[in-house]
Every structure is written in structure tokens, then in C-alpha cells.
Amino acid sequence: MADIADKANEQAQLILEKQIALQRGKPLDIYQNKSNRCWFCDDDVVDGRRWCDEQCRDDYEREVGNE
């Protein structure tokens, strides 16, 4: 399981790539998740989703919102 720093680095890289793509006029896909791992529990996900289910999404948003 990836530690918090690894997840933060992955998210920072994603944000940077999206900002570069936006500046170049490429379509912006904010839902892409190349790791195929849930951003909260690290389980497998499909179709580039960020979370494996609604519970993980809500828990992630609650945890990130408290930082």
C-alpha cells in the first residue's frame, strides 16, 4: 500500500499534467486515474475511477477536507 507521500506525489503529478494539457488546448479529463488503485483504500478500480465505491469517495473527501 502506498504511503501518504506517494499518494500526494501522484496527485501533484496529475495536477501538473492537467495544467500543462489545459495550456496546450488538449481536452481535460479530470477523472483519469492511471494507477487503477482506489485513492483511499488502494483497492483495484476500473475505468480510471478514483475510488472503488461511494464510501471510499466520501471517506477520502471527509479526510482531505479536514486537512
PDB file of N, CA and C in Angstrom:
ATOM      1  N   MET A   1       0.847  -1.184   0.000  1.00  0.00           N
ATOM      2  CA  MET A   1       0.000   0.000   0.000  1.00  0.00           C
ATOM      3  C   MET A   1       0.887   1.241   0.000  1.00  0.00           C
ATOM      4  N   ALA A   2       0.545   2.187  -0.849  1.00  0.00           N
ATOM      5  CA  ALA A   2       1.332   3.407  -0.972  1.00  0.00           C
ATOM      6  C   ALA A   2       1.157   4.273   0.269  1.00  0.00           C
ATOM      7  N   ASP A   3       2.238   4.951   0.643  1.00  0.00           N
ATOM      8  CA  ASP A   3       2.117   5.826   1.806  1.00  0.00           C
ATOM      9  C   ASP A   3       1.562   7.184   1.370  1.00  0.00           C
ATOM     10  N   ILE A   4       1.322   8.039   2.324  1.00  0.00           N
ATOM     11  CA  ILE A   4       0.689   9.334   2.073  1.00  0.00           C
ATOM     12  C   ILE A   4       1.526  10.186   1.123  1.00  0.00           C
ATOM     13  N   ALA A   5       2.847  10.160   1.275  1.00  0.00           N
ATOM     14  CA  ALA A   5       3.723  10.959   0.406  1.00  0.00           C
ATOM     15  C   ALA A   5       3.621  10.485  -1.045  1.00  0.00           C
ATOM     16  N   ASP A   6       3.567   9.173  -1.253  1.00  0.00           N
ATOM     17  CA  ASP A   6       3.430   8.644  -2.610  1.00  0.00           C
ATOM     18  C   ASP A   6       2.119   9.089  -3.237  1.00  0.00           C
ATOM     19  N   LYS A   7       1.044   9.015  -2.477  1.00  0.00           N
ATOM     20  CA  LYS A   7      -0.260   9.437  -2.994  1.00  0.00           C
ATOM     21  C   LYS A   7      -0.264  10.932  -3.298  1.00  0.00           C
ATOM     22  N   ALA A   8       0.348  11.720  -2.426  1.00  0.00           N
ATOM     23  CA  ALA A   8       0.410  13.167  -2.653  1.00  0.00           C
ATOM     24  C   ALA A   8       1.219  13.475  -3.903  1.00  0.00           C
ATOM     25  N   ASN A   9       2.328  12.764  -4.095  1.00  0.00           N
ATOM     26  CA  ASN A   9       3.141  12.975  -5.293  1.00  0.00           C
ATOM     27  C   ASN A   9       2.385  12.597  -6.555  1.00  0.00           C
ATOM     28  N   GLU A  10       1.640  11.498  -6.514  1.00  0.00           N
ATOM     29  CA  GLU A  10       0.841  11.087  -7.670  1.00  0.00           C
ATOM     30  C   GLU A  10      -0.205  12.152  -8.008  1.00  0.00           C
ATOM     31  N   GLN A  11      -0.860  12.682  -6.990  1.00  0.00           N
ATOM     32  CA  GLN A  11      -1.881  13.698  -7.216  1.00  0.00           C
ATOM     33  C   GLN A  11      -1.262  14.998  -7.728  1.00  0.00           C
ATOM     34  N   ALA A  12      -0.106  15.373  -7.186  1.00  0.00           N
ATOM     35  CA  ALA A  12       0.577  16.585  -7.649  1.00  0.00           C
ATOM     36  C   ALA A  12       0.989  16.435  -9.112  1.00  0.00           C
ATOM     37  N   GLN A  13       1.484  15.258  -9.478  1.00  0.00           N
ATOM     38  CA  GLN A  13       1.866  14.999 -10.864  1.00  0.00           C
ATOM     39  C   GLN A  13       0.650  15.077 -11.785  1.00  0.00           C
ATOM     40  N   LEU A  14      -0.460  14.514 -11.339  1.00  0.00           N
ATOM     41  CA  LEU A  14      -1.691  14.560 -12.133  1.00  0.00           C
ATOM     42  C   LEU A  14      -2.137  16.003 -12.355  1.00  0.00           C
ATOM     43  N   ILE A  15      -2.095  16.799 -11.317  1.00  0.00           N
ATOM     44  CA  ILE A  15      -2.484  18.209 -11.426  1.00  0.00           C
ATOM     45  C   ILE A  15      -1.562  18.934 -12.399  1.00  0.00           C
ATOM     46  N   LEU A  16      -0.265  18.698 -12.299  1.00  0.00           N
ATOM     47  CA  LEU A  16       0.691  19.334 -13.198  1.00  0.00           C
ATOM     48  C   LEU A  16       0.430  18.938 -14.652  1.00  0.00           C
ATOM     49  N   GLU A  17       0.212  17.652 -14.891  1.00  0.00           N
ATOM     50  CA  GLU A  17      -0.057  17.183 -16.255  1.00  0.00           C
ATOM     51  C   GLU A  17      -1.332  17.814 -16.805  1.00  0.00           C
ATOM     52  N   LYS A  18      -2.349  17.936 -15.979  1.00  0.00           N
ATOM     53  CA  LYS A  18      -3.606  18.523 -16.423  1.00  0.00           C
ATOM     54  C   LYS A  18      -3.444  20.015 -16.707  1.00  0.00           C
ATOM     55  N   GLN A  19      -2.651  20.713 -15.914  1.00  0.00           N
ATOM     56  CA  GLN A  19      -2.424  22.134 -16.162  1.00  0.00           C
ATOM     57  C   GLN A  19      -1.667  22.344 -17.465  1.00  0.00           C
ATOM     58  N   ILE A  20      -0.680  21.503 -17.723  1.00  0.00           N
ATOM     59  CA  ILE A  20       0.073  21.590 -18.975  1.00  0.00           C
ATOM     60  C   ILE A  20      -0.845  21.300 -20.158  1.00  0.00           C
ATOM     61  N   ALA A  21      -1.644  20.242 -20.045  1.00  0.00           N
ATOM     62  CA  ALA A  21      -2.567  19.880 -21.128  1.00  0.00           C
ATOM     63  C   ALA A  21      -3.567  21.004 -21.387  1.00  0.00           C
ATOM     64  N   LEU A  22      -4.052  21.627 -20.327  1.00  0.00           N
ATOM     65  CA  LEU A  22      -5.008  22.723 -20.473  1.00  0.00           C
ATOM     66  C   LEU A  22      -4.368  23.897 -21.216  1.00  0.00           C
ATOM     67  N   GLN A  23      -3.125  24.212 -20.892  1.00  0.00           N
ATOM     68  CA  GLN A  23      -2.425  25.298 -21.556  1.00  0.00           C
ATOM     69  C   GLN A  23      -2.178  24.996 -23.030  1.00  0.00           C
ATOM     70  N   ARG A  24      -2.021  23.731 -23.360  1.00  0.00           N
ATOM     71  CA  ARG A  24      -1.786  23.335 -24.747  1.00  0.00           C
ATOM     72  C   ARG A  24      -3.095  23.156 -25.517  1.00  0.00           C
ATOM     73  N   GLY A  25      -4.227  23.314 -24.846  1.00  0.00           N
ATOM     74  CA  GLY A  25      -5.518  23.225 -25.504  1.00  0.00           C
ATOM     75  C   GLY A  25      -6.032  21.816 -25.687  1.00  0.00           C
ATOM     76  N   LYS A  26      -5.445  20.848 -24.995  1.00  0.00           N
ATOM     77  CA  LYS A  26      -5.912  19.471 -25.093  1.00  0.00           C
ATOM     78  C   LYS A  26      -7.141  19.291 -24.205  1.00  0.00           C
ATOM     79  N   PRO A  27      -7.995  18.318 -24.544  1.00  0.00           N
ATOM     80  CA  PRO A  27      -9.160  18.051 -23.698  1.00  0.00           C
ATOM     81  C   PRO A  27      -8.726  17.701 -22.272  1.00  0.00           C
ATOM     82  N   LEU A  28      -9.475  18.164 -21.315  1.00  0.00           N
ATOM     83  CA  LEU A  28      -9.158  17.939 -19.917  1.00  0.00           C
ATOM     84  C   LEU A  28     -10.017  16.814 -19.355  1.00  0.00           C
ATOM     85  N   ASP A  29      -9.380  15.767 -18.870  1.00  0.00           N
ATOM     86  CA  ASP A  29     -10.080  14.630 -18.269  1.00  0.00           C
ATOM     87  C   ASP A  29      -9.671  14.554 -16.801  1.00  0.00           C
ATOM     88  N   ILE A  30     -10.441  15.206 -15.929  1.00  0.00           N
ATOM     89  CA  ILE A  30     -10.061  15.261 -14.521  1.00  0.00           C
ATOM     90  C   ILE A  30     -10.325  13.962 -13.776  1.00  0.00           C
ATOM     91  N   TYR A  31     -11.009  13.011 -14.410  1.00  0.00           N
ATOM     92  CA  TYR A  31     -11.350  11.778 -13.732  1.00  0.00           C
ATOM     93  C   TYR A  31     -10.383  10.643 -14.013  1.00  0.00           C
ATOM     94  N   GLN A  32      -9.371  10.880 -14.807  1.00  0.00           N
ATOM     95  CA  GLN A  32      -8.441   9.829 -15.167  1.00  0.00           C
ATOM     96  C   GLN A  32      -7.590   9.421 -13.963  1.00  0.00           C
ATOM     97  N   ASN A  33      -7.476   8.111 -13.757  1.00  0.00           N
ATOM     98  CA  ASN A  33      -6.651   7.563 -12.681  1.00  0.00           C
ATOM     99  C   ASN A  33      -5.816   6.449 -13.298  1.00  0.00           C
ATOM    100  N   LYS A  34      -4.590   6.770 -13.642  1.00  0.00           N
ATOM    101  CA  LYS A  34      -3.727   5.818 -14.336  1.00  0.00           C
ATOM    102  C   LYS A  34      -3.236   4.688 -13.436  1.00  0.00           C
ATOM    103  N   SER A  35      -3.316   4.860 -12.138  1.00  0.00           N
ATOM    104  CA  SER A  35      -2.803   3.840 -11.222  1.00  0.00           C
ATOM    105  C   SER A  35      -3.733   2.628 -11.105  1.00  0.00           C
ATOM    106  N   ASN A  36      -5.014   2.813 -11.475  1.00  0.00           N
ATOM    107  CA  ASN A  36      -6.025   1.757 -11.314  1.00  0.00           C
ATOM    108  C   ASN A  36      -6.120   1.271  -9.875  1.00  0.00           C
ATOM    109  N   ARG A  37      -5.855   2.155  -8.930  1.00  0.00           N
ATOM    110  CA  ARG A  37      -5.959   1.869  -7.496  1.00  0.00           C
ATOM    111  C   ARG A  37      -6.824   2.938  -6.858  1.00  0.00           C
ATOM    112  N   CYS A  38      -7.646   2.528  -5.904  1.00  0.00           N
ATOM    113  CA  CYS A  38      -8.503   3.467  -5.183  1.00  0.00           C
ATOM    114  C   CYS A  38      -7.632   4.479  -4.438  1.00  0.00           C
ATOM    115  N   TRP A  39      -7.988   5.763  -4.518  1.00  0.00           N
ATOM    116  CA  TRP A  39      -7.204   6.813  -3.868  1.00  0.00           C
ATOM    117  C   TRP A  39      -7.344   6.776  -2.350  1.00  0.00           C
ATOM    118  N   PHE A  40      -8.310   6.014  -1.831  1.00  0.00           N
ATOM    119  CA  PHE A  40      -8.483   5.955  -0.380  1.00  0.00           C
ATOM    120  C   PHE A  40      -7.975   4.647   0.216  1.00  0.00           C
ATOM    121  N   CYS A  41      -8.445   3.520  -0.314  1.00  0.00           N
ATOM    122  CA  CYS A  41      -8.100   2.231   0.306  1.00  0.00           C
ATOM    123  C   CYS A  41      -7.083   1.429  -0.489  1.00  0.00           C
ATOM    124  N   ASP A  42      -6.713   1.894  -1.677  1.00  0.00           N
ATOM    125  CA  ASP A  42      -5.702   1.260  -2.513  1.00  0.00           C
ATOM    126  C   ASP A  42      -6.168  -0.059  -3.141  1.00  0.00           C
ATOM    127  N   ASP A  43      -7.478  -0.322  -3.150  1.00  0.00           N
ATOM    128  CA  ASP A  43      -8.010  -1.492  -3.850  1.00  0.00           C
ATOM    129  C   ASP A  43      -8.013  -1.230  -5.352  1.00  0.00           C
ATOM    130  N   ASP A  44      -8.185  -2.292  -6.129  1.00  0.00           N
ATOM    131  CA  ASP A  44      -8.281  -2.171  -7.580  1.00  0.00           C
ATOM    132  C   ASP A  44      -9.536  -1.400  -7.975  1.00  0.00           C
ATOM    133  N   VAL A  45      -9.412  -0.572  -9.012  1.00  0.00           N
ATOM    134  CA  VAL A  45     -10.565   0.129  -9.595  1.00  0.00           C
ATOM    135  C   VAL A  45     -10.556  -0.088 -11.110  1.00  0.00           C
ATOM    136  N   VAL A  46     -11.668   0.204 -11.754  1.00  0.00           N
ATOM    137  CA  VAL A  46     -11.786   0.025 -13.200  1.00  0.00           C
ATOM    138  C   VAL A  46     -12.082   1.360 -13.875  1.00  0.00           C
ATOM    139  N   ASP A  47     -11.840   1.428 -15.154  1.00  0.00           N
ATOM    140  CA  ASP A  47     -12.205   2.578 -15.982  1.00  0.00           C
ATOM    141  C   ASP A  47     -11.585   3.892 -15.522  1.00  0.00           C
ATOM    142  N   GLY A  48     -10.437   3.865 -14.878  1.00  0.00           N
ATOM    143  CA  GLY A  48      -9.784   5.094 -14.457  1.00  0.00           C
ATOM    144  C   GLY A  48     -10.482   5.820 -13.325  1.00  0.00           C
ATOM    145  N   ARG A  49     -11.352   5.140 -12.610  1.00  0.00           N
ATOM    146  CA  ARG A  49     -12.054   5.774 -11.487  1.00  0.00           C
ATOM    147  C   ARG A  49     -11.069   6.075 -10.363  1.00  0.00           C
ATOM    148  N   ARG A  50     -11.405   7.065  -9.563  1.00  0.00           N
ATOM    149  CA  ARG A  50     -10.528   7.435  -8.452  1.00  0.00           C
ATOM    150  C   ARG A  50     -10.790   6.608  -7.201  1.00  0.00           C
ATOM    151  N   TRP A  51     -12.022   6.171  -7.017  1.00  0.00           N
ATOM    152  CA  TRP A  51     -12.382   5.407  -5.829  1.00  0.00           C
ATOM    153  C   TRP A  51     -13.101   4.132  -6.223  1.00  0.00           C
ATOM    154  N   CYS A  52     -13.044   3.135  -5.347  1.00  0.00           N
ATOM    155  CA  CYS A  52     -13.671   1.847  -5.655  1.00  0.00           C
ATOM    156  C   CYS A  52     -15.173   1.875  -5.393  1.00  0.00           C
ATOM    157  N   ASP A  53     -15.633   2.755  -4.501  1.00  0.00           N
ATOM    158  CA  ASP A  53     -17.056   2.863  -4.228  1.00  0.00           C
ATOM    159  C   ASP A  53     -17.369   4.219  -3.590  1.00  0.00           C
ATOM    160  N   GLU A  54     -18.640   4.439  -3.348  1.00  0.00           N
ATOM    161  CA  GLU A  54     -19.073   5.720  -2.785  1.00  0.00           C
ATOM    162  C   GLU A  54     -18.532   5.939  -1.373  1.00  0.00           C
ATOM    163  N   GLN A  55     -18.442   4.880  -0.594  1.00  0.00           N
ATOM    164  CA  GLN A  55     -17.956   5.002   0.778  1.00  0.00           C
ATOM    165  C   GLN A  55     -16.512   5.512   0.801  1.00  0.00           C
ATOM    166  N   CYS A  56     -15.659   4.939  -0.062  1.00  0.00           N
ATOM    167  CA  CYS A  56     -14.273   5.398  -0.122  1.00  0.00           C
ATOM    168  C   CYS A  56     -14.199   6.848  -0.597  1.00  0.00           C
ATOM    169  N   ARG A  57     -15.036   7.209  -1.570  1.00  0.00           N
ATOM    170  CA  ARG A  57     -15.060   8.593  -2.045  1.00  0.00           C
ATOM    171  C   ARG A  57     -15.421   9.538  -0.908  1.00  0.00           C
ATOM    172  N   ASP A  58     -16.477   9.199  -0.172  1.00  0.00           N
ATOM    173  CA  ASP A  58     -16.924  10.056   0.923  1.00  0.00           C
ATOM    174  C   ASP A  58     -15.877  10.135   2.024  1.00  0.00           C
ATOM    175  N   ASP A  59     -15.267   8.987   2.369  1.00  0.00           N
ATOM    176  CA  ASP A  59     -14.223   8.976   3.397  1.00  0.00           C
ATOM    177  C   ASP A  59     -13.016   9.805   2.967  1.00  0.00           C
ATOM    178  N   TYR A  60     -12.636   9.688   1.694  1.00  0.00           N
ATOM    179  CA  TYR A  60     -11.496  10.455   1.172  1.00  0.00           C
ATOM    180  C   TYR A  60     -11.800  11.949   1.246  1.00  0.00           C
ATOM    181  N   GLU A  61     -12.969  12.346   0.779  1.00  0.00           N
ATOM    182  CA  GLU A  61     -13.328  13.765   0.784  1.00  0.00           C
ATOM    183  C   GLU A  61     -13.426  14.311   2.202  1.00  0.00           C
ATOM    184  N   ARG A  62     -13.926  13.494   3.124  1.00  0.00           N
ATOM    185  CA  ARG A  62     -14.026  13.908   4.517  1.00  0.00           C
ATOM    186  C   ARG A  62     -12.613  14.084   5.114  1.00  0.00           C
ATOM    187  N   GLU A  63     -11.721  13.142   4.821  1.00  0.00           N
ATOM    188  CA  GLU A  63     -10.365  13.193   5.361  1.00  0.00           C
ATOM    189  C   GLU A  63      -9.572  14.355   4.761  1.00  0.00           C
ATOM    190  N   VAL A  64      -9.657  14.532   3.458  1.00  0.00           N
ATOM    191  CA  VAL A  64      -8.932  15.612   2.793  1.00  0.00           C
ATOM    192  C   VAL A  64      -9.504  16.972   3.205  1.00  0.00           C
ATOM    193  N   GLY A  65     -10.797  17.031   3.422  1.00  0.00           N
ATOM    194  CA  GLY A  65     -11.434  18.277   3.824  1.00  0.00           C
ATOM    195  C   GLY A  65     -11.033  18.746   5.213  1.00  0.00           C
ATOM    196  N   ASN A  66     -10.520  17.813   6.034  1.00  0.00           N
ATOM    197  CA  ASN A  66     -10.134  18.150   7.400  1.00  0.00           C
ATOM    198  C   ASN A  66      -8.674  18.548   7.524  1.00  0.00           C
ATOM    199  N   GLU A  67      -7.942  18.542   6.418  1.00  0.00           N
ATOM    200  CA  GLU A  67      -6.518  18.882   6.476  1.00  0.00           C
ATOM    201  C   GLU A  67      -6.304  20.353   6.344  1.00  0.00           C
TER     202      GLU A  67
END
